[in-house]
């Protein structure tokens, strides 16, 4: 599970077979998002701010 340089998200992983994105926040909570395209995961990994990317592209768009 890759570690992110983020003040909000500590880790992210993606299962391409099920299109599930798993995010672990610094609070210790882990969430799974369903039907996430691979491009969203790669965008998160490459974002200059993972927290900003999460709010703009994941939060409220995919079912947790």
N, C-alpha and C. Protein backbone atom coordinates (compact mmCIF):
# COMPACT_ATOMS: atom_id res chain seq x y z
N UNK A 1 0.85 -1.16 0.00
CA UNK A 1 0.00 0.00 0.00
C UNK A 1 0.90 1.24 0.00
N UNK A 2 0.88 2.04 -1.06
CA UNK A 2 1.75 3.21 -1.12
C UNK A 2 1.44 4.23 -0.03
N UNK A 3 2.49 4.83 0.49
CA UNK A 3 2.36 5.91 1.46
C UNK A 3 2.33 7.22 0.70
N UNK A 4 1.41 8.10 1.10
CA UNK A 4 1.28 9.38 0.41
C UNK A 4 1.91 10.50 1.24
N UNK A 5 2.44 11.49 0.56
CA UNK A 5 2.95 12.67 1.23
C UNK A 5 1.78 13.64 1.38
N UNK A 6 0.96 13.39 2.41
CA UNK A 6 -0.27 14.15 2.59
C UNK A 6 -0.52 14.37 4.07
N UNK A 7 -1.10 15.51 4.40
CA UNK A 7 -1.46 15.76 5.79
C UNK A 7 -2.79 15.10 6.14
N UNK A 8 -3.52 14.62 5.16
CA UNK A 8 -4.83 14.00 5.40
C UNK A 8 -4.82 12.48 5.19
N UNK A 9 -4.20 12.03 4.12
CA UNK A 9 -4.26 10.61 3.74
C UNK A 9 -2.88 9.99 3.92
N UNK A 10 -2.85 8.87 4.66
CA UNK A 10 -1.55 8.24 4.90
C UNK A 10 -1.23 7.15 3.89
N UNK A 11 -2.26 6.42 3.43
CA UNK A 11 -2.02 5.32 2.48
C UNK A 11 -3.16 5.18 1.49
N UNK A 12 -2.82 4.61 0.34
CA UNK A 12 -3.82 4.34 -0.68
C UNK A 12 -3.46 3.05 -1.39
N UNK A 13 -4.48 2.27 -1.70
CA UNK A 13 -4.26 1.08 -2.52
C UNK A 13 -5.45 0.91 -3.44
N UNK A 14 -5.23 0.18 -4.52
CA UNK A 14 -6.26 0.01 -5.53
C UNK A 14 -6.23 -1.41 -6.03
N UNK A 15 -7.42 -1.99 -6.16
CA UNK A 15 -7.56 -3.33 -6.73
C UNK A 15 -8.20 -3.18 -8.11
N UNK A 16 -7.43 -3.35 -9.19
CA UNK A 16 -7.98 -3.15 -10.53
C UNK A 16 -9.01 -4.20 -10.92
N UNK A 17 -8.99 -5.36 -10.31
CA UNK A 17 -9.97 -6.40 -10.64
C UNK A 17 -11.36 -6.06 -10.13
N UNK A 18 -11.44 -5.38 -8.99
CA UNK A 18 -12.73 -5.03 -8.41
C UNK A 18 -13.02 -3.54 -8.49
N UNK A 19 -12.05 -2.75 -8.95
CA UNK A 19 -12.16 -1.28 -9.04
C UNK A 19 -12.45 -0.66 -7.68
N UNK A 20 -11.79 -1.20 -6.65
CA UNK A 20 -11.95 -0.68 -5.29
C UNK A 20 -10.71 0.11 -4.89
N UNK A 21 -10.97 1.29 -4.36
CA UNK A 21 -9.91 2.16 -3.85
C UNK A 21 -10.00 2.16 -2.33
N UNK A 22 -8.89 1.86 -1.68
CA UNK A 22 -8.82 1.84 -0.22
C UNK A 22 -7.94 3.00 0.22
N UNK A 23 -8.50 3.86 1.07
CA UNK A 23 -7.76 5.00 1.58
C UNK A 23 -7.70 4.93 3.10
N UNK A 24 -6.51 5.11 3.65
CA UNK A 24 -6.33 5.20 5.09
C UNK A 24 -5.92 6.62 5.42
N UNK A 25 -6.68 7.23 6.30
CA UNK A 25 -6.42 8.61 6.71
C UNK A 25 -5.56 8.62 7.96
N UNK A 26 -4.92 9.74 8.24
CA UNK A 26 -4.05 9.85 9.41
C UNK A 26 -4.82 9.64 10.71
N UNK A 27 -6.13 9.81 10.68
CA UNK A 27 -6.96 9.56 11.86
C UNK A 27 -7.01 8.07 12.20
N UNK A 28 -6.57 7.23 11.23
CA UNK A 28 -6.61 5.79 11.42
C UNK A 28 -7.79 5.12 10.73
N UNK A 29 -8.72 5.90 10.26
CA UNK A 29 -9.89 5.35 9.58
C UNK A 29 -9.54 4.96 8.14
N UNK A 30 -10.06 3.82 7.73
CA UNK A 30 -9.86 3.34 6.37
C UNK A 30 -11.22 3.26 5.68
N UNK A 31 -11.27 3.74 4.46
CA UNK A 31 -12.50 3.71 3.68
C UNK A 31 -12.24 3.00 2.36
N UNK A 32 -13.25 2.31 1.89
CA UNK A 32 -13.20 1.64 0.59
C UNK A 32 -14.21 2.33 -0.32
N UNK A 33 -13.77 2.69 -1.51
CA UNK A 33 -14.64 3.31 -2.51
C UNK A 33 -14.77 2.35 -3.68
N UNK A 34 -15.98 2.23 -4.20
CA UNK A 34 -16.30 1.23 -5.22
C UNK A 34 -16.45 1.87 -6.60
N UNK A 35 -16.14 1.06 -7.62
CA UNK A 35 -16.27 1.46 -9.03
C UNK A 35 -15.42 2.69 -9.36
N UNK A 36 -14.20 2.68 -8.87
CA UNK A 36 -13.28 3.79 -9.10
C UNK A 36 -12.41 3.44 -10.32
N UNK A 37 -12.40 4.30 -11.33
CA UNK A 37 -11.55 4.04 -12.49
C UNK A 37 -10.06 4.11 -12.10
N UNK A 38 -9.22 3.32 -12.77
CA UNK A 38 -7.78 3.34 -12.45
C UNK A 38 -7.16 4.73 -12.58
N UNK A 39 -7.65 5.54 -13.49
CA UNK A 39 -7.09 6.88 -13.68
C UNK A 39 -7.25 7.74 -12.42
N UNK A 40 -8.31 7.52 -11.66
CA UNK A 40 -8.51 8.27 -10.42
C UNK A 40 -7.44 7.90 -9.41
N UNK A 41 -7.17 6.61 -9.28
CA UNK A 41 -6.12 6.15 -8.35
C UNK A 41 -4.76 6.72 -8.75
N UNK A 42 -4.42 6.64 -10.01
CA UNK A 42 -3.13 7.15 -10.47
C UNK A 42 -3.06 8.68 -10.32
N UNK A 43 -4.18 9.34 -10.53
CA UNK A 43 -4.21 10.78 -10.31
C UNK A 43 -3.96 11.13 -8.85
N UNK A 44 -4.51 10.34 -7.94
CA UNK A 44 -4.28 10.56 -6.51
C UNK A 44 -2.80 10.39 -6.17
N UNK A 45 -2.19 9.33 -6.69
CA UNK A 45 -0.78 9.08 -6.40
C UNK A 45 0.13 10.18 -6.95
N UNK A 46 -0.26 10.80 -8.05
CA UNK A 46 0.57 11.81 -8.70
C UNK A 46 0.19 13.25 -8.35
N UNK A 47 -0.83 13.42 -7.54
CA UNK A 47 -1.31 14.77 -7.20
C UNK A 47 -0.31 15.48 -6.30
N UNK A 48 -0.20 16.78 -6.48
CA UNK A 48 0.67 17.57 -5.60
C UNK A 48 0.07 17.67 -4.21
N UNK A 49 -1.25 17.55 -4.11
CA UNK A 49 -1.94 17.53 -2.82
C UNK A 49 -2.98 16.41 -2.85
N UNK A 50 -2.69 15.31 -2.17
CA UNK A 50 -3.63 14.18 -2.16
C UNK A 50 -4.95 14.56 -1.52
N UNK A 51 -4.92 15.38 -0.48
CA UNK A 51 -6.15 15.81 0.18
C UNK A 51 -7.03 16.63 -0.74
N UNK A 52 -6.43 17.55 -1.47
CA UNK A 52 -7.19 18.37 -2.42
C UNK A 52 -7.74 17.49 -3.54
N UNK A 53 -6.93 16.58 -4.04
CA UNK A 53 -7.38 15.68 -5.11
C UNK A 53 -8.55 14.83 -4.61
N UNK A 54 -8.44 14.33 -3.39
CA UNK A 54 -9.52 13.52 -2.80
C UNK A 54 -10.83 14.31 -2.78
N UNK A 55 -10.79 15.54 -2.30
CA UNK A 55 -12.01 16.35 -2.20
C UNK A 55 -12.56 16.72 -3.57
N UNK A 56 -11.70 16.94 -4.53
CA UNK A 56 -12.14 17.35 -5.86
C UNK A 56 -12.60 16.19 -6.74
N UNK A 57 -12.03 14.99 -6.52
CA UNK A 57 -12.27 13.90 -7.48
C UNK A 57 -12.84 12.61 -6.90
N UNK A 58 -12.84 12.45 -5.58
CA UNK A 58 -13.29 11.19 -4.99
C UNK A 58 -14.45 11.37 -4.04
N UNK A 59 -14.30 12.27 -3.09
CA UNK A 59 -15.32 12.49 -2.07
C UNK A 59 -16.66 12.89 -2.72
N UNK A 60 -17.71 12.16 -2.38
CA UNK A 60 -19.03 12.45 -2.91
C UNK A 60 -19.28 11.94 -4.32
N UNK A 61 -18.26 11.40 -4.97
CA UNK A 61 -18.41 10.89 -6.34
C UNK A 61 -18.47 9.37 -6.42
N UNK A 62 -17.89 8.73 -5.42
CA UNK A 62 -17.86 7.27 -5.39
C UNK A 62 -18.44 6.80 -4.07
N UNK A 63 -19.16 5.70 -4.14
CA UNK A 63 -19.82 5.16 -2.96
C UNK A 63 -18.80 4.54 -2.01
N UNK A 64 -18.78 5.03 -0.77
CA UNK A 64 -17.87 4.42 0.23
C UNK A 64 -18.47 3.15 0.83
